[in-house]
Amino acid sequence: MSQVEAVDLRQIVVSNSTFGPNEISRIVGAISEDYNNFRSLRDAVGELQQQEGRTPAASARLGVCQYLLGRYSEAVATLTSADGGALTNFYLGKAHLALDKYAEALTAYESAEKAGYNRDDVALAKAEAKRYLGDPQSSLAILDALSGAVEQTAEYLYQRSATVSALGGNSAEVIALLERAVESDDRHAGALFGLALENDRHGNDEYARQLYERAAAQFPAHVGTLLNLGLLYEDMEHFDRSKQCYQRILDVYPNHPRARLFFKDADASRDMYYDEEARRRQDRLDQMLSVPVTDFELSVRSRNCLQKMGIMTLGDLTNTTEQDLLASKNFGETSLVEIREMLSQKGLELGQFASKWREEETSYDTSSLSEDERALLERPISDLNLSVRARKCMVRLGLSTIGELLRCTGDDLLECKNFGVTSLIEVREKLTEANLKLRGD
């Protein structure tokens, strides 16, 4: 099947046959069915680029295909010198939009409409460009002016959900619109991504994963879809799947910084069983450190001294130095030797974790903060608008407020699974915006 569709793709791209929305849908459908066809499209585009003396119509075909490959700057250059038709201008607008040139996109869409491109499709595209220009009110006005069958299409419902969200509408309305969009077209990549993101934000990881997978199966897939799905796969320790997500981004954007970094992280995480073994060792150690000192046969003097010092477990002893014990009244060298021997039998030492304990006891100094700044510490971490990866690590660490986050050092955060240097930089930047810092920074 893949080989047949690859031949079809080449014929669509290279031949002089009709090229329009139907042919574009066939290309998109073939790649959605089998992503290997992306490479077939890339090869066919390379062949078309090598053709000498291309006609304006062939340039239009090439420019659209360059857009589908994610080569937006090339697409703009090619389409600008193409036939100037309706299809050419519409995809010139889409390429400008992908390059964040929203005013240029609007101009191209208007040219497409004048040249006879479908008015509803142009209106939806213009609404999107207006929203990205920071004018969601104009976007809503365009959508409100549409009527008839277009109002039930997935693209209309998706654009309306994004506009309502940009206007600060409530989450329930946004989700309802996205759900209607997916009901209308269960292969609409934008609507699937939007609905997945809303569920991801509300902690519905399993449903979010299913939606991300459905969105990723479409072409072109949103970069956000592939990044977030890759992160969810990493959480599930499906590292090969996460690498495939990041590789798909790199196929289109070879220098995408986050995709490159996440790919390396996922690749390095394939040997996570070493970390799992370390975790098991830590669990065994934690269990041992929680054993009460009363479980051991100590002299009455030693037992009484430990009780007066509030030392109740083996962990407490590993956080206490010999000097601390000897400073206690009636605690002598004999008791010290007795406790050393008891700990030695368990592979532990006095004061083994004392320096770490003292460091962790350092609290965030709030004495110099105003009342408003202190109130900020009680706000939820979600107010920082962190990325999915950083947000999930906050949950794993049991951190819910900004104040709790400030008690952590950078090293504390880096110990969390899937939390890397990029996420640490992100957290520090978000805190800096609020004139706050992690402990130790």
Protein backbone atom coordinates (compact mmCIF):
# COMPACT_ATOMS: atom_id res chain seq x y z
CA MET A 1 0.00 0.00 0.00
CA SER A 2 2.75 2.45 0.92
CA GLN A 3 4.56 1.85 -2.36
CA VAL A 4 1.38 2.44 -4.43
CA GLU A 5 0.66 5.70 -2.60
CA ALA A 6 4.27 6.79 -3.02
CA VAL A 7 3.86 6.41 -6.80
CA ASP A 8 0.60 8.37 -6.64
CA LEU A 9 2.29 11.15 -4.72
CA ARG A 10 5.03 11.47 -7.29
CA GLN A 11 2.47 11.59 -10.08
CA ILE A 12 0.46 14.28 -8.29
CA VAL A 13 3.53 16.42 -7.66
CA VAL A 14 5.58 15.98 -10.83
CA SER A 15 2.95 15.56 -13.55
CA ASN A 16 1.19 18.35 -15.46
CA SER A 17 -2.27 17.15 -14.43
CA THR A 18 -4.82 19.25 -12.54
CA PHE A 19 -3.69 20.41 -9.12
CA GLY A 20 -6.12 21.83 -6.60
CA PRO A 21 -7.78 21.20 -3.20
CA ASN A 22 -8.68 17.61 -4.12
CA GLU A 23 -5.09 16.72 -5.01
CA ILE A 24 -3.82 18.43 -1.85
CA SER A 25 -6.31 16.38 0.18
CA ARG A 26 -4.99 13.20 -1.45
CA ILE A 27 -1.42 14.12 -0.49
CA VAL A 28 -2.40 14.93 3.08
CA GLY A 29 -4.50 11.75 3.34
CA ALA A 30 -1.70 9.53 2.02
CA ILE A 31 0.77 10.86 4.60
CA SER A 32 -1.80 10.60 7.39
CA GLU A 33 -2.31 6.94 6.48
CA ASP A 34 1.40 6.19 6.32
CA TYR A 35 3.97 8.70 7.50
CA ASN A 36 6.61 7.04 5.29
CA ASN A 37 4.88 8.89 2.45
CA PHE A 38 6.27 12.13 3.86
CA ARG A 39 9.64 11.06 2.50
CA SER A 40 8.04 10.20 -0.84
CA LEU A 41 6.60 13.72 -0.99
CA ARG A 42 9.99 15.15 -0.12
CA ASP A 43 11.64 13.16 -2.92
CA ALA A 44 8.98 14.23 -5.43
CA VAL A 45 9.38 17.88 -4.46
CA GLY A 46 13.13 17.55 -4.92
CA GLU A 47 12.55 16.18 -8.40
CA LEU A 48 10.18 19.03 -9.29
CA GLN A 49 12.67 21.59 -8.03
CA GLN A 50 15.28 20.24 -10.43
CA GLN A 51 13.03 20.73 -13.44
CA GLU A 52 14.20 23.55 -15.67
CA GLY A 53 11.85 26.10 -17.16
CA ARG A 54 8.96 25.46 -14.77
CA THR A 55 5.68 27.05 -15.79
CA PRO A 56 3.89 29.41 -13.33
CA ALA A 57 1.37 26.63 -12.70
CA ALA A 58 4.17 24.18 -11.88
CA SER A 59 5.64 26.78 -9.49
CA ALA A 60 2.27 27.01 -7.77
CA ARG A 61 2.24 23.22 -7.35
CA LEU A 62 5.81 23.30 -6.03
CA GLY A 63 5.09 26.12 -3.59
CA VAL A 64 2.07 24.36 -2.10
CA CYS A 65 4.07 21.17 -1.65
CA GLN A 66 6.91 23.11 -0.04
CA TYR A 67 4.35 24.48 2.39
CA LEU A 68 3.17 20.93 3.17
CA LEU A 69 6.78 19.96 3.88
CA GLY A 70 7.08 22.83 6.34
CA ARG A 71 9.50 24.79 4.14
CA TYR A 72 7.62 28.01 4.61
CA SER A 73 10.27 30.50 3.48
CA GLU A 74 10.85 28.50 0.29
CA ALA A 75 7.10 28.30 -0.25
CA VAL A 76 6.75 32.09 0.01
CA ALA A 77 9.55 32.64 -2.49
CA THR A 78 8.13 30.11 -4.93
CA LEU A 79 4.48 31.15 -4.66
CA THR A 80 5.30 34.84 -4.98
CA SER A 81 6.60 34.17 -8.49
CA ALA A 82 3.92 31.64 -9.43
CA ASP A 83 0.70 32.11 -11.42
CA GLY A 84 -1.04 34.50 -9.02
CA GLY A 85 -4.16 32.34 -8.94
CA ALA A 86 -6.59 31.73 -6.10
CA LEU A 87 -4.87 28.58 -4.81
CA THR A 88 -1.46 30.22 -5.04
CA ASN A 89 -2.50 33.23 -2.96
CA PHE A 90 -4.35 31.15 -0.39
CA TYR A 91 -1.30 28.99 0.32
CA LEU A 92 0.94 32.03 0.17
CA GLY A 93 -1.19 33.35 3.03
CA LYS A 94 -0.84 30.09 4.95
CA ALA A 95 2.94 30.14 4.48
CA HIS A 96 3.13 33.76 5.71
CA LEU A 97 1.00 32.81 8.71
CA ALA A 98 3.35 29.94 9.56
CA LEU A 99 6.22 32.46 9.51
CA ASP A 100 4.30 34.76 11.91
CA LYS A 101 3.83 37.38 9.16
CA TYR A 102 0.16 37.92 9.86
CA ALA A 103 -0.37 41.18 7.96
CA GLU A 104 1.16 39.65 4.83
CA ALA A 105 -1.06 36.59 5.34
CA LEU A 106 -4.17 38.78 5.39
CA THR A 107 -3.13 40.51 2.18
CA ALA A 108 -2.59 37.16 0.45
CA TYR A 109 -5.96 35.84 1.67
CA GLU A 110 -7.71 38.92 0.28
CA SER A 111 -6.00 38.33 -3.08
CA ALA A 112 -7.13 34.69 -2.97
CA GLU A 113 -10.73 35.79 -2.35
CA LYS A 114 -10.64 38.25 -5.25
CA ALA A 115 -9.25 35.49 -7.48
CA GLY A 116 -12.23 33.28 -6.64
CA TYR A 117 -11.09 31.04 -3.75
CA ASN A 118 -13.86 29.64 -1.55
CA ARG A 119 -15.18 32.61 0.47
CA ASP A 120 -15.90 30.62 3.64
CA ASP A 121 -12.40 29.11 3.66
CA VAL A 122 -10.87 32.55 3.18
CA ALA A 123 -13.02 34.02 5.97
CA LEU A 124 -11.88 31.34 8.41
CA ALA A 125 -8.26 31.91 7.42
CA LYS A 126 -8.62 35.68 7.87
CA ALA A 127 -10.22 35.16 11.29
CA GLU A 128 -7.20 33.11 12.33
CA ALA A 129 -4.77 35.77 11.08
CA LYS A 130 -6.70 38.53 12.88
CA ARG A 131 -6.53 36.54 16.11
CA TYR A 132 -2.78 36.09 15.80
CA LEU A 133 -2.49 39.84 15.12
CA GLY A 134 -3.91 40.35 18.61
CA ASP A 135 -7.37 41.39 17.43
CA PRO A 136 -9.72 38.59 18.55
CA GLN A 137 -12.71 40.96 18.44
CA SER A 138 -12.30 41.35 14.66
CA SER A 139 -11.81 37.60 14.42
CA LEU A 140 -15.10 37.03 16.25
CA ALA A 141 -16.85 39.53 13.98
CA ILE A 142 -15.70 37.61 10.91
CA LEU A 143 -16.94 34.34 12.41
CA ASP A 144 -20.28 35.88 13.43
CA ALA A 145 -20.82 37.07 9.87
CA LEU A 146 -20.64 33.52 8.53
CA SER A 147 -23.82 31.50 8.24
CA GLY A 148 -25.09 28.24 6.87
CA ALA A 149 -23.29 24.93 6.58
CA VAL A 150 -19.88 26.41 7.39
CA GLU A 151 -20.98 26.94 11.01
CA GLN A 152 -21.10 23.19 11.51
CA THR A 153 -17.65 22.50 10.07
CA ALA A 154 -14.75 21.44 12.26
CA GLU A 155 -12.60 24.35 11.06
CA TYR A 156 -15.25 26.94 11.99
CA LEU A 157 -15.81 25.40 15.45
CA TYR A 158 -12.06 25.14 16.01
CA GLN A 159 -11.45 28.77 15.03
CA ARG A 160 -14.33 29.89 17.22
CA SER A 161 -12.98 27.95 20.22
CA ALA A 162 -9.56 29.56 19.78
CA THR A 163 -11.15 33.01 19.48
CA VAL A 164 -13.32 32.53 22.57
CA SER A 165 -10.20 31.43 24.46
CA ALA A 166 -8.27 34.49 23.23
CA LEU A 167 -11.11 36.71 24.45
CA GLY A 168 -10.88 35.15 27.91
CA GLY A 169 -14.00 33.03 27.60
CA ASN A 170 -14.64 30.26 30.11
CA SER A 171 -12.96 26.92 29.66
CA ALA A 172 -16.25 25.01 29.49
CA GLU A 173 -17.33 26.90 26.36
CA VAL A 174 -13.93 26.37 24.71
CA ILE A 175 -14.06 22.64 25.43
CA ALA A 176 -17.66 22.36 24.20
CA LEU A 177 -16.72 23.97 20.88
CA LEU A 178 -13.70 21.70 20.51
CA GLU A 179 -15.80 18.63 21.25
CA ARG A 180 -18.31 19.68 18.59
CA ALA A 181 -15.42 20.21 16.15
CA VAL A 182 -14.12 16.70 16.75
CA GLU A 183 -17.64 15.29 16.36
CA SER A 184 -17.87 17.07 13.03
CA ASP A 185 -14.48 15.79 11.84
CA ASP A 186 -12.63 13.30 14.01
CA ARG A 187 -9.48 13.87 11.94
CA HIS A 188 -9.20 17.62 12.37
CA ALA A 189 -5.66 18.04 13.71
CA GLY A 190 -6.25 21.47 15.25
CA ALA A 191 -9.42 20.51 17.10
CA LEU A 192 -7.88 17.26 18.38
CA PHE A 193 -4.82 19.14 19.60
CA GLY A 194 -6.91 21.84 21.28
CA LEU A 195 -9.10 19.28 23.06
CA ALA A 196 -6.05 17.24 24.07
CA LEU A 197 -4.38 20.35 25.51
CA GLU A 198 -7.45 21.27 27.56
CA ASN A 199 -7.60 17.75 29.03
CA ASP A 200 -3.85 17.79 29.62
CA ARG A 201 -4.20 21.03 31.61
CA HIS A 202 -6.98 19.48 33.70
CA GLY A 203 -4.89 16.41 34.53
CA ASN A 204 -6.80 13.95 32.32
CA ASP A 205 -3.58 12.35 31.12
CA GLU A 206 -5.00 9.16 29.64
CA TYR A 207 -7.69 10.87 27.56
CA ALA A 208 -5.25 13.61 26.59
CA ARG A 209 -2.81 10.96 25.35
CA GLN A 210 -5.51 9.33 23.21
CA LEU A 211 -6.42 12.69 21.67
CA TYR A 212 -2.77 13.61 21.07
CA GLU A 213 -2.28 10.26 19.34
CA ARG A 214 -5.25 10.90 17.07
CA ALA A 215 -3.97 14.41 16.33
CA ALA A 216 -0.45 13.11 15.64
CA ALA A 217 -1.86 10.62 13.14
CA GLN A 218 -2.98 13.55 10.97
CA PHE A 219 -0.85 15.57 8.59
CA PRO A 220 0.41 18.14 9.02
CA ALA A 221 0.50 17.57 12.79
CA HIS A 222 0.93 20.50 15.16
CA VAL A 223 4.40 20.78 16.66
CA GLY A 224 2.72 21.16 20.05
CA THR A 225 0.92 17.85 19.51
CA LEU A 226 4.16 15.98 18.88
CA LEU A 227 6.04 17.66 21.74
CA ASN A 228 3.31 17.02 24.31
CA LEU A 229 2.68 13.46 23.14
CA GLY A 230 6.41 12.78 23.31
CA LEU A 231 6.47 14.01 26.91
CA LEU A 232 3.51 11.80 27.84
CA TYR A 233 5.29 8.82 26.28
CA GLU A 234 8.37 9.64 28.35
CA ASP A 235 6.19 9.62 31.48
CA MET A 236 5.07 6.13 30.46
CA GLU A 237 8.74 5.20 29.77
CA HIS A 238 7.92 4.52 26.10
CA PHE A 239 11.11 6.25 25.00
CA ASP A 240 11.22 4.90 21.45
CA ARG A 241 7.74 6.29 20.82
CA SER A 242 8.71 9.65 22.26
CA LYS A 243 11.77 9.75 19.99
CA GLN A 244 9.54 9.10 16.97
CA CYS A 245 7.45 12.15 17.92
CA TYR A 246 10.50 14.38 18.21
CA GLN A 247 11.97 12.96 14.99
CA ARG A 248 8.83 13.94 13.10
CA ILE A 249 9.38 17.53 14.20
CA LEU A 250 13.03 17.35 13.19
CA ASP A 251 12.02 16.02 9.77
CA VAL A 252 10.39 19.40 9.15
CA TYR A 253 12.46 21.64 11.45
CA PRO A 254 15.96 20.09 11.66
CA ASN A 255 17.14 22.76 14.10
CA HIS A 256 14.08 22.91 16.36
CA PRO A 257 15.78 23.47 19.76
CA ARG A 258 13.24 21.79 22.04
CA ALA A 259 12.73 18.81 19.74
CA ARG A 260 16.49 18.26 19.49
CA LEU A 261 16.95 18.52 23.25
CA PHE A 262 13.95 16.28 24.03
CA PHE A 263 15.15 13.72 21.48
CA LYS A 264 18.51 13.52 23.26
CA ASP A 265 16.78 13.25 26.64
CA ALA A 266 14.54 10.42 25.44
CA ASP A 267 17.48 8.64 23.83
CA ALA A 268 19.49 8.85 27.04
CA SER A 269 16.49 7.64 29.06
CA ARG A 270 16.27 4.29 27.27
CA ASP A 271 18.55 2.91 30.00
CA MET A 272 16.26 4.06 32.77
CA TYR A 273 16.58 0.70 34.54
CA TYR A 274 19.74 2.11 36.11
CA ASP A 275 17.65 4.89 37.59
CA GLU A 276 15.03 2.35 38.65
CA GLU A 277 17.67 0.35 40.49
CA ALA A 278 18.91 3.52 42.17
CA ARG A 279 15.35 4.29 43.20
CA ARG A 280 14.95 0.84 44.70
CA ARG A 281 18.17 1.31 46.66
CA GLN A 282 16.91 4.65 47.92
CA ASP A 283 13.60 3.08 48.97
CA ARG A 284 15.46 0.42 50.95
CA LEU A 285 17.61 3.10 52.58
CA ASP A 286 14.58 5.21 53.47
CA GLN A 287 12.93 2.20 55.04
CA MET A 288 16.03 1.49 57.13
CA LEU A 289 16.38 5.12 58.23
CA SER A 290 12.81 5.06 59.55
CA VAL A 291 13.59 2.23 62.02
CA PRO A 292 13.15 3.50 65.65
CA VAL A 293 16.26 3.45 67.87
CA THR A 294 14.12 1.72 70.52
CA ASP A 295 14.31 -1.43 68.37
CA PHE A 296 17.95 -1.80 69.43
CA GLU A 297 19.39 -2.86 72.78
CA LEU A 298 21.04 0.34 73.98
CA SER A 299 22.15 1.21 77.49
CA VAL A 300 19.77 3.21 79.65
CA ARG A 301 22.12 6.22 79.53
CA SER A 302 22.33 6.19 75.74
CA ARG A 303 18.59 5.71 75.38
CA ASN A 304 17.78 8.58 77.75
CA CYS A 305 20.23 10.96 76.04
CA LEU A 306 18.83 10.21 72.60
CA GLN A 307 15.29 10.75 73.87
CA LYS A 308 16.21 14.14 75.40
CA MET A 309 17.75 15.19 72.05
CA GLY A 310 14.62 14.16 70.14
CA ILE A 311 16.50 11.45 68.23
CA MET A 312 13.91 8.80 67.47
CA THR A 313 15.11 6.91 64.36
CA LEU A 314 18.28 5.72 62.65
CA GLY A 315 17.71 8.53 60.17
CA ASP A 316 17.89 11.05 63.00
CA LEU A 317 21.26 9.60 63.99
CA THR A 318 22.64 9.89 60.46
CA ASN A 319 21.63 13.56 60.60
CA THR A 320 23.45 14.08 63.90
CA THR A 321 27.23 14.49 64.24
CA GLU A 322 29.45 13.02 66.96
CA GLN A 323 30.04 16.56 68.23
CA ASP A 324 26.29 17.06 68.60
CA LEU A 325 25.98 13.90 70.71
CA LEU A 326 29.01 14.62 72.87
CA ALA A 327 27.67 18.12 73.54
CA SER A 328 24.66 16.56 75.24
CA LYS A 329 24.81 16.31 79.05
CA ASN A 330 25.77 12.84 80.37
CA PHE A 331 26.58 11.54 76.89
CA GLY A 332 30.10 10.11 76.96
CA GLU A 333 32.58 8.22 74.83
CA THR A 334 31.14 4.84 75.88
CA SER A 335 27.67 5.72 74.56
CA LEU A 336 29.28 7.10 71.40
CA VAL A 337 31.07 3.81 70.72
CA GLU A 338 27.85 1.89 71.40
CA ILE A 339 25.89 3.90 68.86
CA ARG A 340 28.68 3.75 66.28
CA GLU A 341 28.63 -0.06 66.47
CA MET A 342 24.83 -0.17 66.16
CA LEU A 343 24.88 1.98 63.02
CA SER A 344 27.82 0.07 61.56
CA GLN A 345 25.80 -3.14 61.64
CA LYS A 346 23.34 -1.42 59.27
CA GLY A 347 26.02 0.07 57.03
CA LEU A 348 25.39 3.58 58.39
CA GLU A 349 27.48 6.24 60.12
CA LEU A 350 26.86 9.05 62.55
CA GLY A 351 26.43 12.38 60.77
CA GLN A 352 26.32 10.66 57.36
CA PHE A 353 23.62 13.02 56.06
CA ALA A 354 24.13 15.91 58.48
CA SER A 355 25.37 18.44 55.93
CA LYS A 356 22.49 17.67 53.55
CA TRP A 357 19.99 17.95 56.38
CA ARG A 358 21.28 21.36 57.44
CA GLU A 359 21.15 22.61 53.87
CA GLU A 360 17.56 21.44 53.48
CA GLU A 361 16.53 23.12 56.72
CA THR A 362 17.34 26.52 55.23
CA SER A 363 14.01 28.19 54.56
CA TYR A 364 13.07 30.93 52.15
CA ASP A 365 13.55 34.31 53.87
CA THR A 366 10.31 36.26 53.58
CA SER A 367 11.20 39.03 56.04
CA SER A 368 12.11 41.47 53.28
CA LEU A 369 8.96 40.79 51.23
CA SER A 370 5.92 43.04 51.09
CA GLU A 371 2.42 41.77 51.89
CA ASP A 372 1.66 41.46 48.18
CA GLU A 373 4.85 39.47 47.63
CA ARG A 374 4.03 37.18 50.55
CA ALA A 375 0.57 36.65 49.07
CA LEU A 376 2.26 35.66 45.82
CA LEU A 377 3.95 32.77 47.62
CA GLU A 378 0.53 31.28 48.40
CA ARG A 379 -0.55 31.31 44.76
CA PRO A 380 -0.64 27.99 42.86
CA ILE A 381 2.32 27.08 40.66
CA SER A 382 -0.09 26.90 37.72
CA ASP A 383 -0.10 30.73 37.76
CA LEU A 384 3.46 30.60 36.39
CA ASN A 385 2.14 29.09 33.12
CA LEU A 386 4.89 26.48 32.92
CA SER A 387 5.29 24.04 30.04
CA VAL A 388 3.75 20.58 30.24
CA ARG A 389 7.06 18.93 31.17
CA ALA A 390 7.87 21.40 33.97
CA ARG A 391 4.28 21.31 35.26
CA LYS A 392 4.26 17.53 35.54
CA CYS A 393 7.54 17.58 37.45
CA MET A 394 6.01 20.00 39.96
CA VAL A 395 3.25 17.44 40.53
CA ARG A 396 5.78 14.61 40.98
CA LEU A 397 7.68 16.67 43.55
CA GLY A 398 4.46 17.39 45.44
CA LEU A 399 4.79 21.15 44.92
CA SER A 400 1.53 23.07 44.67
CA THR A 401 2.34 26.68 45.60
CA ILE A 402 4.99 29.13 44.46
CA GLY A 403 6.26 29.34 48.04
CA GLU A 404 6.89 25.58 48.11
CA LEU A 405 8.79 25.88 44.83
CA LEU A 406 11.02 28.59 46.27
CA ARG A 407 12.18 26.24 49.02
CA CYS A 408 13.78 24.03 46.34
CA THR A 409 17.21 24.41 44.83
CA GLY A 410 17.95 23.92 41.16
CA ASP A 411 19.57 20.57 42.04
CA ASP A 412 16.39 19.48 43.85
CA LEU A 413 14.37 20.04 40.68
CA LEU A 414 16.92 18.37 38.42
CA GLU A 415 16.59 15.18 40.47
CA CYS A 416 13.01 14.84 39.21
CA LYS A 417 12.55 12.43 36.30
CA ASN A 418 12.29 14.15 32.89
CA PHE A 419 13.17 17.54 34.39
CA GLY A 420 16.21 18.84 32.53
CA VAL A 421 18.25 22.00 32.19
CA THR A 422 15.77 23.52 29.72
CA SER A 423 12.93 23.16 32.24
CA LEU A 424 15.13 24.59 35.01
CA ILE A 425 15.91 27.65 32.86
CA GLU A 426 12.19 28.03 32.18
CA VAL A 427 11.31 27.93 35.91
CA ARG A 428 14.03 30.46 36.74
CA GLU A 429 12.81 32.81 33.99
CA LYS A 430 9.21 32.61 35.22
CA LEU A 431 10.31 33.32 38.80
CA THR A 432 12.54 36.19 37.67
CA GLU A 433 9.51 37.82 36.02
CA ALA A 434 7.95 37.87 39.52
CA ASN A 435 11.22 39.06 41.16
CA LEU A 436 11.64 35.68 42.87
CA LYS A 437 14.40 33.07 42.91
CA LEU A 438 14.91 29.42 43.79
CA ARG A 439 16.71 28.70 47.04
CA GLY A 440 20.45 28.99 46.49
CA ASP A 441 20.19 31.11 43.30
